[in-house]
Amino acid sequence: MSEQNSGASPVPPLDSATSAGLEIAMRWGAALGGPEQLKIAFDALEPQLKREHQIKLKQMEMLAKAAERSAREKREGRNHAFRMTGVIVGAVISTAMLGAGVYVAKDVWWLSTLLCGPSLIALVKIFVLRRSDPDDVRLLGRAARGASNAAAQAQPPSGPTQ
């Protein structure tokens, strides 16, 4: 009679961990003198297993908190570096604009007002504070128009020279 002919379902093959556990349980049962003594031994062992389980849970919780803290510190470090880069870039741009504005002030005063005026404040606000308001853009446009109008008025008429 084969397995296919019998009405009983075939026993699933046991993996190595399960078969090792069953073998250990059978040895303990034989050593203690029967299943009743094995049950008593397991009942005595249960509180210790619960304590070990609680300890493992606490250790895993502490590891998770440490990983979270480490990730937060890395994120804060990157954020700090990003903000400091913005401050440095803002300082360099504003210094360059002020220097250029002072340098060209004697010859091209309208460009100097454009470099040292509201555009300087708006760029510093964008790079350092990381925000830009619509009023800043309107103010820049108004300043640029005013400077270009002043430049057009300041230019001498270009006519034939004699």
Protein backbone atom coordinates (compact mmCIF):
# COMPACT_ATOMS: atom_id res chain seq x y z
CA MET A 1 0.00 0.00 0.00
CA SER A 2 1.51 3.30 -1.08
CA GLU A 3 1.06 6.79 0.34
CA GLN A 4 -1.32 7.69 -2.44
CA ASN A 5 -3.60 4.76 -1.66
CA SER A 6 -3.77 5.32 2.07
CA GLY A 7 -6.37 7.66 3.51
CA ALA A 8 -3.88 9.25 5.93
CA SER A 9 -2.19 12.49 4.90
CA PRO A 10 1.58 12.32 4.49
CA VAL A 11 3.69 13.76 7.31
CA PRO A 12 5.37 16.96 6.16
CA PRO A 13 9.15 16.85 6.29
CA LEU A 14 10.58 18.59 9.33
CA ASP A 15 13.21 21.26 9.02
CA SER A 16 16.43 20.91 10.98
CA ALA A 17 15.44 23.32 13.78
CA THR A 18 12.11 21.58 14.40
CA SER A 19 13.62 18.09 14.35
CA ALA A 20 16.42 19.20 16.70
CA GLY A 21 13.84 20.69 19.06
CA LEU A 22 11.78 17.51 19.04
CA GLU A 23 14.88 15.42 19.68
CA ILE A 24 15.86 17.59 22.66
CA ALA A 25 12.31 17.40 24.04
CA MET A 26 12.31 13.61 23.71
CA ARG A 27 15.66 13.38 25.54
CA TRP A 28 14.39 15.61 28.36
CA GLY A 29 11.20 13.58 28.56
CA ALA A 30 13.17 10.36 28.79
CA ALA A 31 15.61 11.82 31.32
CA LEU A 32 12.87 13.13 33.58
CA GLY A 33 10.84 9.97 33.45
CA GLY A 34 7.87 10.91 31.32
CA PRO A 35 5.73 13.69 29.89
CA GLU A 36 4.35 14.79 33.27
CA GLN A 37 7.81 15.61 34.58
CA LEU A 38 8.65 17.34 31.29
CA LYS A 39 5.56 19.53 31.69
CA ILE A 40 6.65 20.42 35.23
CA ALA A 41 10.14 21.30 33.95
CA PHE A 42 8.69 23.46 31.16
CA ASP A 43 6.37 25.22 33.62
CA ALA A 44 9.38 25.99 35.82
CA LEU A 45 11.35 27.21 32.80
CA GLU A 46 8.59 29.48 31.48
CA PRO A 47 9.19 32.48 33.84
CA GLN A 48 12.89 32.52 32.92
CA LEU A 49 12.02 32.47 29.22
CA LYS A 50 9.59 35.34 29.73
CA ARG A 51 12.28 37.38 31.51
CA GLU A 52 14.77 36.70 28.74
CA HIS A 53 12.16 37.69 26.18
CA GLN A 54 11.49 40.97 28.01
CA ILE A 55 15.23 41.66 28.15
CA LYS A 56 15.54 41.05 24.40
CA LEU A 57 12.60 43.38 23.73
CA LYS A 58 14.20 46.12 25.85
CA GLN A 59 17.53 45.65 24.05
CA MET A 60 15.83 45.89 20.66
CA GLU A 61 13.96 49.01 21.79
CA MET A 62 17.20 50.60 22.99
CA LEU A 63 18.92 49.76 19.68
CA ALA A 64 16.03 51.30 17.75
CA LYS A 65 16.21 54.47 19.85
CA ALA A 66 19.99 54.66 19.35
CA ALA A 67 19.59 54.27 15.58
CA GLU A 68 16.88 56.95 15.54
CA ARG A 69 19.06 59.31 17.59
CA SER A 70 22.02 58.69 15.28
CA ALA A 71 19.90 59.37 12.19
CA ARG A 72 18.52 62.57 13.76
CA GLU A 73 22.04 63.77 14.60
CA LYS A 74 23.21 63.12 11.04
CA ARG A 75 20.17 64.94 9.65
CA GLU A 76 20.81 67.90 11.96
CA GLY A 77 24.47 67.98 10.91
CA ARG A 78 23.54 68.05 7.22
CA ASN A 79 20.95 70.76 7.88
CA HIS A 80 23.52 72.84 9.76
CA ALA A 81 26.05 72.48 6.94
CA PHE A 82 23.39 73.48 4.40
CA ARG A 83 22.42 76.59 6.37
CA MET A 84 26.04 77.61 6.96
CA THR A 85 26.73 77.25 3.25
CA GLY A 86 23.82 79.61 2.59
CA VAL A 87 25.20 82.12 5.08
CA ILE A 88 28.66 81.96 3.52
CA VAL A 89 27.30 82.29 -0.02
CA GLY A 90 25.13 85.22 1.06
CA ALA A 91 28.12 86.93 2.68
CA VAL A 92 30.30 86.42 -0.40
CA ILE A 93 27.61 87.69 -2.78
CA SER A 94 26.81 90.73 -0.66
CA THR A 95 30.48 91.60 -0.24
CA ALA A 96 31.04 91.23 -3.98
CA MET A 97 28.01 93.38 -4.81
CA LEU A 98 29.01 96.06 -2.33
CA GLY A 99 32.58 96.06 -3.63
CA ALA A 100 31.43 96.26 -7.24
CA GLY A 101 28.94 99.00 -6.36
CA VAL A 102 31.62 101.10 -4.70
CA TYR A 103 34.07 100.44 -7.55
CA VAL A 104 31.69 101.61 -10.29
CA ALA A 105 30.07 104.42 -8.28
CA LYS A 106 32.32 107.11 -9.72
CA ASP A 107 31.73 106.24 -13.39
CA VAL A 108 28.34 104.49 -13.53
CA TRP A 109 26.31 105.68 -10.57
CA TRP A 110 23.05 104.04 -11.68
CA LEU A 111 24.73 100.60 -11.71
CA SER A 112 26.07 101.32 -8.26
CA THR A 113 22.57 102.03 -6.95
CA LEU A 114 21.37 98.83 -8.57
CA LEU A 115 24.18 96.77 -6.99
CA CYS A 116 23.97 98.32 -3.52
CA GLY A 117 20.22 98.89 -3.30
CA PRO A 118 17.25 96.60 -2.88
CA SER A 119 18.78 93.84 -5.02
CA LEU A 120 21.51 93.38 -2.44
CA ILE A 121 18.98 93.06 0.36
CA ALA A 122 16.80 90.68 -1.65
CA LEU A 123 19.70 88.38 -2.55
CA VAL A 124 20.95 88.28 1.02
CA LYS A 125 17.41 87.49 2.15
CA ILE A 126 17.16 84.64 -0.36
CA PHE A 127 20.51 83.05 0.47
CA VAL A 128 20.65 83.61 4.22
CA LEU A 129 17.03 83.51 5.35
CA ARG A 130 15.93 81.08 2.61
CA ARG A 131 12.79 82.99 1.80
CA SER A 132 11.62 85.38 -0.84
CA ASP A 133 8.49 87.47 -0.74
CA PRO A 134 6.63 88.73 -3.81
CA ASP A 135 7.22 92.26 -2.53
CA ASP A 136 10.96 91.67 -2.88
CA VAL A 137 10.58 90.84 -6.56
CA ARG A 138 8.41 93.92 -7.15
CA LEU A 139 10.92 96.06 -5.30
CA LEU A 140 13.75 94.68 -7.43
CA GLY A 141 11.82 95.36 -10.62
CA ARG A 142 11.04 98.90 -9.54
CA ALA A 143 14.70 99.53 -8.64
CA ALA A 144 15.90 98.08 -11.94
CA ARG A 145 13.45 100.25 -13.91
CA GLY A 146 14.46 103.32 -11.94
CA ALA A 147 18.14 102.64 -12.53
CA SER A 148 17.66 102.02 -16.25
CA ASN A 149 15.55 105.20 -16.58
CA ALA A 150 18.23 107.18 -14.77
CA ALA A 151 20.88 105.68 -17.02
CA ALA A 152 18.92 106.63 -20.12
CA GLN A 153 18.53 110.21 -18.87
CA ALA A 154 22.18 110.51 -17.87
CA GLN A 155 23.54 109.52 -21.25
CA PRO A 156 24.41 112.48 -23.44
CA PRO A 157 22.53 112.61 -26.69
CA SER A 158 24.43 110.94 -29.46
CA GLY A 159 24.34 113.29 -32.36
CA PRO A 160 26.78 114.17 -35.10
CA THR A 161 29.88 115.74 -33.72
CA GLN A 162 31.60 118.52 -35.56
